[in-house]
């Protein structure tokens, strides 16, 4: 099977607000019942200056038994980018088949995160 690759423009075109709200409600129910797992992420500082606005990488993961999928989101948090007019956060989500570990999709996280947060 080929890996699906979605840009933020693709996500924008595919997203449906009502479906996203239903998906978020289902995800919260799955987390509550234990059929999905989302461990707390830990930030990995990039560099050693130790300042509050230093860049960091935040790997996040989740598993859905019901969907038979697991995902890893890598969030790059670079607050100093704002001063240069660049996004302070960038992310990519990689989706895997939970049985075979095959990479199912790679999704640019910019629109995905914004739409999920709004839902």
C-alpha atoms as a PDB file:
ATOM      1  CA  UNK A   1       0.000   0.000   0.000  1.00  0.00           C
ATOM      2  CA  UNK A   2       1.277   3.476  -0.835  1.00  0.00           C
ATOM      3  CA  UNK A   3       1.651   6.046   1.914  1.00  0.00           C
ATOM      4  CA  UNK A   4      -0.808   8.918   1.597  1.00  0.00           C
ATOM      5  CA  UNK A   5       0.803  12.346   1.882  1.00  0.00           C
ATOM      6  CA  UNK A   6      -1.373  15.334   2.761  1.00  0.00           C
ATOM      7  CA  UNK A   7      -0.304  18.969   2.775  1.00  0.00           C
ATOM      8  CA  UNK A   8      -2.054  21.625   4.837  1.00  0.00           C
ATOM      9  CA  UNK A   9      -3.879  22.695   1.669  1.00  0.00           C
ATOM     10  CA  UNK A  10      -5.101  19.098   1.241  1.00  0.00           C
ATOM     11  CA  UNK A  11      -6.282  18.989   4.866  1.00  0.00           C
ATOM     12  CA  UNK A  12      -8.110  22.304   4.461  1.00  0.00           C
ATOM     13  CA  UNK A  13      -9.907  20.944   1.407  1.00  0.00           C
ATOM     14  CA  UNK A  14     -10.894  17.681   3.073  1.00  0.00           C
ATOM     15  CA  UNK A  15     -11.873  19.004   6.496  1.00  0.00           C
ATOM     16  CA  UNK A  16     -15.508  19.196   7.518  1.00  0.00           C
ATOM     17  CA  UNK A  17     -16.189  21.071  10.768  1.00  0.00           C
ATOM     18  CA  UNK A  18     -19.162  18.940  11.817  1.00  0.00           C
ATOM     19  CA  UNK A  19     -17.335  15.664  11.111  1.00  0.00           C
ATOM     20  CA  UNK A  20     -14.325  16.952  13.052  1.00  0.00           C
ATOM     21  CA  UNK A  21     -16.499  17.750  16.087  1.00  0.00           C
ATOM     22  CA  UNK A  22     -17.948  14.218  15.967  1.00  0.00           C
ATOM     23  CA  UNK A  23     -14.454  12.717  15.600  1.00  0.00           C
ATOM     24  CA  UNK A  24     -13.182  14.719  18.578  1.00  0.00           C
ATOM     25  CA  UNK A  25     -16.132  13.591  20.709  1.00  0.00           C
ATOM     26  CA  UNK A  26     -15.448   9.966  19.713  1.00  0.00           C
ATOM     27  CA  UNK A  27     -11.758  10.389  20.533  1.00  0.00           C
ATOM     28  CA  UNK A  28     -12.533  11.776  23.983  1.00  0.00           C
ATOM     29  CA  UNK A  29     -14.925   8.872  24.648  1.00  0.00           C
ATOM     30  CA  UNK A  30     -12.253   6.386  23.550  1.00  0.00           C
ATOM     31  CA  UNK A  31      -9.688   7.992  25.846  1.00  0.00           C
ATOM     32  CA  UNK A  32     -12.168   7.888  28.741  1.00  0.00           C
ATOM     33  CA  UNK A  33     -12.982   4.187  28.180  1.00  0.00           C
ATOM     34  CA  UNK A  34      -9.366   3.182  27.580  1.00  0.00           C
ATOM     35  CA  UNK A  35      -9.800   2.017  23.978  1.00  0.00           C
ATOM     36  CA  UNK A  36      -7.436   4.812  23.006  1.00  0.00           C
ATOM     37  CA  UNK A  37      -4.244   5.912  24.695  1.00  0.00           C
ATOM     38  CA  UNK A  38      -2.475   9.246  24.475  1.00  0.00           C
ATOM     39  CA  UNK A  39       0.548   9.510  26.787  1.00  0.00           C
ATOM     40  CA  UNK A  40       1.597  12.885  28.112  1.00  0.00           C
ATOM     41  CA  UNK A  41       4.311  14.330  25.852  1.00  0.00           C
ATOM     42  CA  UNK A  42       7.694  15.472  27.106  1.00  0.00           C
ATOM     43  CA  UNK A  43       9.510  18.312  25.388  1.00  0.00           C
ATOM     44  CA  UNK A  44      13.060  17.774  24.216  1.00  0.00           C
ATOM     45  CA  UNK A  45      14.999  21.058  24.384  1.00  0.00           C
ATOM     46  CA  UNK A  46      17.030  21.933  21.317  1.00  0.00           C
ATOM     47  CA  UNK A  47      20.204  23.742  22.263  1.00  0.00           C
ATOM     48  CA  UNK A  48      21.532  24.443  25.684  1.00  0.00           C
ATOM     49  CA  UNK A  49      20.827  28.100  26.389  1.00  0.00           C
ATOM     50  CA  UNK A  50      17.943  27.197  28.752  1.00  0.00           C
ATOM     51  CA  UNK A  51      15.901  30.312  28.019  1.00  0.00           C
ATOM     52  CA  UNK A  52      12.108  30.204  27.968  1.00  0.00           C
ATOM     53  CA  UNK A  53      12.003  30.885  24.233  1.00  0.00           C
ATOM     54  CA  UNK A  54      14.576  28.248  23.264  1.00  0.00           C
ATOM     55  CA  UNK A  55      13.432  25.802  20.572  1.00  0.00           C
ATOM     56  CA  UNK A  56      12.080  22.400  21.566  1.00  0.00           C
ATOM     57  CA  UNK A  57      10.835  19.249  19.888  1.00  0.00           C
ATOM     58  CA  UNK A  58       7.722  17.656  21.349  1.00  0.00           C
ATOM     59  CA  UNK A  59       7.009  14.088  20.175  1.00  0.00           C
ATOM     60  CA  UNK A  60       3.409  13.040  20.815  1.00  0.00           C
ATOM     61  CA  UNK A  61       1.851   9.636  20.310  1.00  0.00           C
ATOM     62  CA  UNK A  62      -1.572   8.050  20.386  1.00  0.00           C
ATOM     63  CA  UNK A  63      -3.079   4.609  19.812  1.00  0.00           C
ATOM     64  CA  UNK A  64      -6.655   3.784  18.816  1.00  0.00           C
ATOM     65  CA  UNK A  65      -7.617   0.140  19.229  1.00  0.00           C
ATOM     66  CA  UNK A  66     -10.974   0.836  17.579  1.00  0.00           C
ATOM     67  CA  UNK A  67      -9.395   2.325  14.456  1.00  0.00           C
ATOM     68  CA  UNK A  68      -6.439  -0.055  14.469  1.00  0.00           C
ATOM     69  CA  UNK A  69      -4.057   2.868  14.102  1.00  0.00           C
ATOM     70  CA  UNK A  70      -1.323   4.628  15.988  1.00  0.00           C
ATOM     71  CA  UNK A  71       0.060   8.070  15.317  1.00  0.00           C
ATOM     72  CA  UNK A  72       3.147  10.062  16.124  1.00  0.00           C
ATOM     73  CA  UNK A  73       3.074  13.840  15.895  1.00  0.00           C
ATOM     74  CA  UNK A  74       6.344  15.694  15.984  1.00  0.00           C
ATOM     75  CA  UNK A  75       5.883  19.298  17.035  1.00  0.00           C
ATOM     76  CA  UNK A  76       8.767  21.707  16.579  1.00  0.00           C
ATOM     77  CA  UNK A  77       8.264  24.688  18.876  1.00  0.00           C
ATOM     78  CA  UNK A  78      10.473  27.648  17.964  1.00  0.00           C
ATOM     79  CA  UNK A  79       9.116  30.791  19.684  1.00  0.00           C
ATOM     80  CA  UNK A  80      11.966  32.927  18.341  1.00  0.00           C
ATOM     81  CA  UNK A  81      10.563  32.424  14.832  1.00  0.00           C
ATOM     82  CA  UNK A  82       7.881  35.040  15.594  1.00  0.00           C
ATOM     83  CA  UNK A  83      10.495  37.820  15.511  1.00  0.00           C
ATOM     84  CA  UNK A  84      11.388  36.732  11.959  1.00  0.00           C
ATOM     85  CA  UNK A  85       7.739  36.550  10.881  1.00  0.00           C
ATOM     86  CA  UNK A  86       7.810  32.746  10.739  1.00  0.00           C
ATOM     87  CA  UNK A  87       5.438  30.265  12.385  1.00  0.00           C
ATOM     88  CA  UNK A  88       6.432  29.511  15.972  1.00  0.00           C
ATOM     89  CA  UNK A  89       5.204  25.935  15.679  1.00  0.00           C
ATOM     90  CA  UNK A  90       5.427  23.392  12.899  1.00  0.00           C
ATOM     91  CA  UNK A  91       4.309  19.800  13.051  1.00  0.00           C
ATOM     92  CA  UNK A  92       3.965  16.597  11.095  1.00  0.00           C
ATOM     93  CA  UNK A  93       1.714  13.649  11.913  1.00  0.00           C
ATOM     94  CA  UNK A  94       2.639  10.135  10.814  1.00  0.00           C
ATOM     95  CA  UNK A  95      -0.121   7.521  10.924  1.00  0.00           C
ATOM     96  CA  UNK A  96       0.587   3.773  11.138  1.00  0.00           C
ATOM     97  CA  UNK A  97      -1.401   0.553  10.883  1.00  0.00           C
ATOM     98  CA  UNK A  98      -1.383  -0.873  14.429  1.00  0.00           C
ATOM     99  CA  UNK A  99      -1.144  -4.472  13.226  1.00  0.00           C
ATOM    100  CA  UNK A 100       1.498  -4.258  10.505  1.00  0.00           C
ATOM    101  CA  UNK A 101       3.207  -0.982  11.533  1.00  0.00           C
ATOM    102  CA  UNK A 102       2.930   0.121   7.922  1.00  0.00           C
ATOM    103  CA  UNK A 103       3.062   3.879   7.439  1.00  0.00           C
ATOM    104  CA  UNK A 104      -0.425   4.789   6.222  1.00  0.00           C
ATOM    105  CA  UNK A 105      -0.146   8.582   5.970  1.00  0.00           C
ATOM    106  CA  UNK A 106       2.077  11.580   6.506  1.00  0.00           C
ATOM    107  CA  UNK A 107       0.145  14.756   7.226  1.00  0.00           C
ATOM    108  CA  UNK A 108       1.392  18.324   7.546  1.00  0.00           C
ATOM    109  CA  UNK A 109       0.144  19.354  10.962  1.00  0.00           C
ATOM    110  CA  UNK A 110      -0.443  23.080  10.460  1.00  0.00           C
ATOM    111  CA  UNK A 111      -4.075  22.979   9.289  1.00  0.00           C
ATOM    112  CA  UNK A 112      -4.771  19.684  11.050  1.00  0.00           C
ATOM    113  CA  UNK A 113      -3.826  21.128  14.441  1.00  0.00           C
ATOM    114  CA  UNK A 114      -5.761  24.357  13.884  1.00  0.00           C
ATOM    115  CA  UNK A 115      -8.923  22.528  12.781  1.00  0.00           C
ATOM    116  CA  UNK A 116      -8.674  19.999  15.623  1.00  0.00           C
ATOM    117  CA  UNK A 117      -8.244  22.772  18.170  1.00  0.00           C
ATOM    118  CA  UNK A 118     -11.270  24.613  16.815  1.00  0.00           C
ATOM    119  CA  UNK A 119     -13.376  21.453  17.011  1.00  0.00           C
END
